[in-house]
Protein backbone atom coordinates (compact mmCIF):
# COMPACT_ATOMS: atom_id res chain seq x y z
CA UNK A 1 -16.40 4.76 -23.92
CA UNK A 2 -17.53 0.78 -23.82
CA UNK A 3 -17.69 -0.41 -20.00
CA UNK A 4 -15.60 -3.67 -19.44
CA UNK A 5 -17.23 -6.13 -17.65
CA UNK A 6 -14.94 -6.30 -14.78
CA UNK A 7 -16.12 -2.61 -14.22
CA UNK A 8 -18.27 -3.01 -11.75
CA UNK A 9 -19.07 0.83 -10.59
CA UNK A 10 -22.38 0.76 -12.78
CA UNK A 11 -20.41 3.83 -14.74
CA UNK A 12 -17.24 4.29 -16.93
CA UNK A 13 -13.60 3.84 -15.64
CA UNK A 14 -13.64 7.48 -15.48
CA UNK A 15 -16.77 7.97 -13.25
CA UNK A 16 -15.77 4.95 -11.46
CA UNK A 17 -12.33 6.69 -11.04
CA UNK A 18 -13.96 10.27 -10.08
CA UNK A 19 -16.14 8.24 -7.64
CA UNK A 20 -13.36 6.34 -5.62
CA UNK A 21 -11.01 9.14 -5.72
CA UNK A 22 -13.48 11.58 -4.23
CA UNK A 23 -14.27 8.59 -1.27
CA UNK A 24 -10.02 8.26 -0.93
CA UNK A 25 -9.88 11.96 0.03
CA UNK A 26 -13.10 12.39 2.07
CA UNK A 27 -11.28 9.25 4.39
CA UNK A 28 -8.16 11.14 4.35
CA UNK A 29 -9.43 14.49 6.00
CA UNK A 30 -11.73 12.39 8.33
CA UNK A 31 -9.20 10.62 9.20
CA UNK A 32 -8.02 12.68 12.28
CA UNK A 33 -6.19 15.52 13.45
CA UNK A 34 -2.74 14.93 11.59
CA UNK A 35 -4.62 15.94 8.25
CA UNK A 36 -5.72 18.92 7.54
CA UNK A 37 -8.83 19.44 4.66
CA UNK A 38 -6.99 20.89 2.30
CA UNK A 39 -7.17 19.63 -1.78
CA UNK A 40 -4.86 18.63 -3.80
CA UNK A 41 -3.87 18.57 -7.41
CA UNK A 42 -2.58 15.36 -8.42
CA UNK A 43 -2.87 12.21 -11.08
CA UNK A 44 -4.50 9.79 -9.97
CA UNK A 45 -4.89 5.71 -11.58
CA UNK A 46 -7.59 3.64 -10.27
CA UNK A 47 -6.31 0.46 -10.25
CA UNK A 48 -8.36 -2.47 -10.58
CA UNK A 49 -7.36 -6.46 -9.22
CA UNK A 50 -4.06 -7.45 -10.70
CA UNK A 51 -3.52 -4.21 -12.28
CA UNK A 52 -2.51 -2.96 -8.54
CA UNK A 53 0.51 -5.65 -8.54
CA UNK A 54 2.05 -4.53 -11.56
CA UNK A 55 1.85 -0.92 -10.81
CA UNK A 56 3.20 -1.40 -7.38
CA UNK A 57 6.39 -2.87 -8.67
CA UNK A 58 7.24 -1.06 -11.51
CA UNK A 59 7.10 1.68 -8.77
CA UNK A 60 9.72 0.04 -6.63
CA UNK A 61 11.77 -1.14 -9.48
CA UNK A 62 11.63 2.60 -10.17
CA UNK A 63 11.99 3.95 -7.08
CA UNK A 64 15.14 6.28 -5.91
CA UNK A 65 14.97 8.04 -2.49
CA UNK A 66 12.64 6.25 -0.27
CA UNK A 67 9.82 4.06 0.28
CA UNK A 68 7.22 3.38 3.11
CA UNK A 69 4.45 0.90 3.45
CA UNK A 70 1.73 0.24 5.71
CA UNK A 71 -0.38 -2.96 5.44
CA UNK A 72 -2.38 -4.77 7.52
CA UNK A 73 -0.96 -7.98 6.35
CA UNK A 74 2.31 -8.84 3.80
CA UNK A 75 2.33 -12.57 4.08
CA UNK A 76 5.00 -14.26 1.75
CA UNK A 77 5.33 -18.00 0.74
CA UNK A 78 8.17 -19.90 0.09
CA UNK A 79 6.12 -20.83 -4.11
CA UNK A 80 8.58 -18.17 -6.53
CA UNK A 81 5.05 -16.80 -8.46
CA UNK A 82 3.81 -15.45 -5.07
CA UNK A 83 3.28 -11.69 -5.95
CA UNK A 84 4.29 -10.92 -2.01
CA UNK A 85 7.48 -12.16 -2.45
CA UNK A 86 7.81 -10.25 -5.82
CA UNK A 87 6.68 -6.73 -3.57
CA UNK A 88 9.42 -8.10 -1.16
CA UNK A 89 11.97 -8.54 -3.57
CA UNK A 90 11.68 -5.19 -5.36
CA UNK A 91 12.20 -3.32 -1.68
CA UNK A 92 14.83 -5.48 -0.90
CA UNK A 93 16.68 -4.40 -3.88
CA UNK A 94 15.62 -0.98 -2.99
CA UNK A 95 17.24 -0.74 -0.26
CA UNK A 96 20.17 -2.31 -1.98
CA UNK A 97 20.47 0.43 -4.18
CA UNK A 98 20.53 3.05 -1.15
CA UNK A 99 16.81 3.13 -1.02
CA UNK A 100 15.53 4.70 2.61
CA UNK A 101 12.49 1.79 3.33
CA UNK A 102 10.17 1.37 6.05
CA UNK A 103 7.44 -1.16 6.36
CA UNK A 104 4.65 -1.04 9.12
CA UNK A 105 2.89 -4.15 10.19
CA UNK A 106 -0.60 -4.92 12.21
CA UNK A 107 0.21 -6.66 15.22
CA UNK A 108 -2.63 -8.23 17.38
CA UNK A 109 -2.03 -9.41 21.16
CA UNK A 110 -2.55 -12.53 20.60
CA UNK A 111 1.21 -14.47 20.18
CA UNK A 112 -0.88 -17.19 17.79
CA UNK A 113 -2.68 -15.25 15.41
CA UNK A 114 -2.41 -16.16 11.81
CA UNK A 115 -1.17 -12.43 11.54
CA UNK A 116 1.13 -11.93 13.59
CA UNK A 117 2.69 -14.73 12.36
CA UNK A 118 2.93 -13.95 8.95
CA UNK A 119 3.91 -10.07 9.83
CA UNK A 120 6.51 -11.49 12.00
CA UNK A 121 7.68 -13.91 9.11
CA UNK A 122 7.99 -11.11 6.72
CA UNK A 123 8.93 -8.72 8.94
CA UNK A 124 12.18 -11.17 9.83
CA UNK A 125 12.38 -11.93 6.06
CA UNK A 126 13.08 -7.87 5.37
CA UNK A 127 14.63 -6.53 8.21
CA UNK A 128 17.53 -9.41 7.89
CA UNK A 129 17.88 -7.97 4.23
CA UNK A 130 18.58 -4.44 5.89
CA UNK A 131 14.53 -3.20 5.29
CA UNK A 132 13.57 -1.00 8.86
CA UNK A 133 10.15 -3.11 10.37
CA UNK A 134 7.98 -1.33 12.76
CA UNK A 135 4.79 -2.70 14.33
CA UNK A 136 1.47 -0.32 14.93
CA UNK A 137 0.42 0.01 18.39
CA UNK A 138 -1.68 -2.24 20.03
CA UNK A 139 -4.07 -0.08 21.31
CA UNK A 140 -5.53 -0.31 17.65
CA UNK A 141 -5.86 -1.89 15.01
CA UNK A 142 -3.94 -0.62 11.63
CA UNK A 143 -6.09 -1.72 8.47
CA UNK A 144 -4.90 0.86 5.52
CA UNK A 145 -2.70 -0.51 3.15
CA UNK A 146 -0.46 2.66 1.33
CA UNK A 147 2.73 2.75 0.31
CA UNK A 148 4.57 5.87 -0.25
CA UNK A 149 7.71 6.19 -2.75
CA UNK A 150 9.90 9.05 -3.56
CA UNK A 151 7.77 11.71 -1.51
CA UNK A 152 5.64 11.74 -4.60
CA UNK A 153 3.30 8.77 -5.73
CA UNK A 154 1.23 6.73 -3.26
CA UNK A 155 -0.28 3.58 -3.75
CA UNK A 156 -3.89 3.25 -1.61
CA UNK A 157 -6.71 0.97 -1.45
CA UNK A 158 -8.00 -2.07 -0.89
CA UNK A 159 -4.89 -4.66 -1.56
CA UNK A 160 -3.47 -6.22 1.73
CA UNK A 161 -0.17 -8.12 0.64
CA UNK A 162 -1.15 -11.34 -0.23
CA UNK A 163 -1.07 -13.80 -3.40
CA UNK A 164 -4.89 -13.37 -3.16
CA UNK A 165 -5.27 -9.79 -3.16
CA UNK A 166 -3.05 -9.15 -5.74
CA UNK A 167 -4.17 -11.98 -8.31
CA UNK A 168 -7.39 -13.03 -7.49
CA UNK A 169 -9.65 -11.18 -5.51
CA UNK A 170 -12.01 -8.11 -6.74
CA UNK A 171 -9.87 -5.49 -5.77
CA UNK A 172 -9.80 -1.96 -5.80
CA UNK A 173 -6.79 1.00 -5.12
CA UNK A 174 -5.38 4.43 -6.49
CA UNK A 175 -1.79 5.33 -8.00
CA UNK A 176 -1.38 9.15 -7.02
CA UNK A 177 0.99 11.33 -8.48
CA UNK A 178 1.07 14.07 -5.95
CA UNK A 179 3.42 15.09 -3.22
CA UNK A 180 1.29 16.79 -1.08
CA UNK A 181 -0.91 14.18 -0.37
CA UNK A 182 2.43 11.83 -0.52
CA UNK A 183 3.71 14.30 2.68
CA UNK A 184 -0.06 14.40 4.58
CA UNK A 185 0.12 10.64 4.52
CA UNK A 186 3.70 9.95 5.69
CA UNK A 187 2.56 12.13 8.34
CA UNK A 188 -0.05 9.98 9.63
CA UNK A 189 1.92 6.85 9.39
CA UNK A 190 4.45 8.60 11.60
CA UNK A 191 1.43 8.49 14.20
CA UNK A 192 0.80 4.94 13.69
């Protein structure tokens, strides 16, 4: 197996995948009392840099029953090539075809904060189109970036929903096909 220069884990993509999957599972197990230390089998796909946006858009297009999104920053701009706008468009289309869609966003105490301004602008767009949007508690910062589709597919990693994160940054996420993992993450998101 040849190692592409874009993979910087110092090992093969499979080795990097195993390391990241183990780390992600460890973080989930340590997340708190809502989650147990159960280890679930599932098929995991490593999504490096721009691979995440394409995989997420495909997952949203294929959603049939439910989508839950939790992210720190969801920044939509007016530009048509804006990847977060494409994500929002897919969330709206999913809602229009009867899929239950919930988006959980971070908020800070400072009303004039950039994060609040961007997340509230996105929330307004999504809410006008029938999507349930809620903000986390002001007592804690929710930095989780996760999407659960159809109680089965989990997108988990470092990608915020910003154009930079989806097109230019060095980011690393995974797509996990595991109903058990999806159930645990939904339980956790219910506590935010």
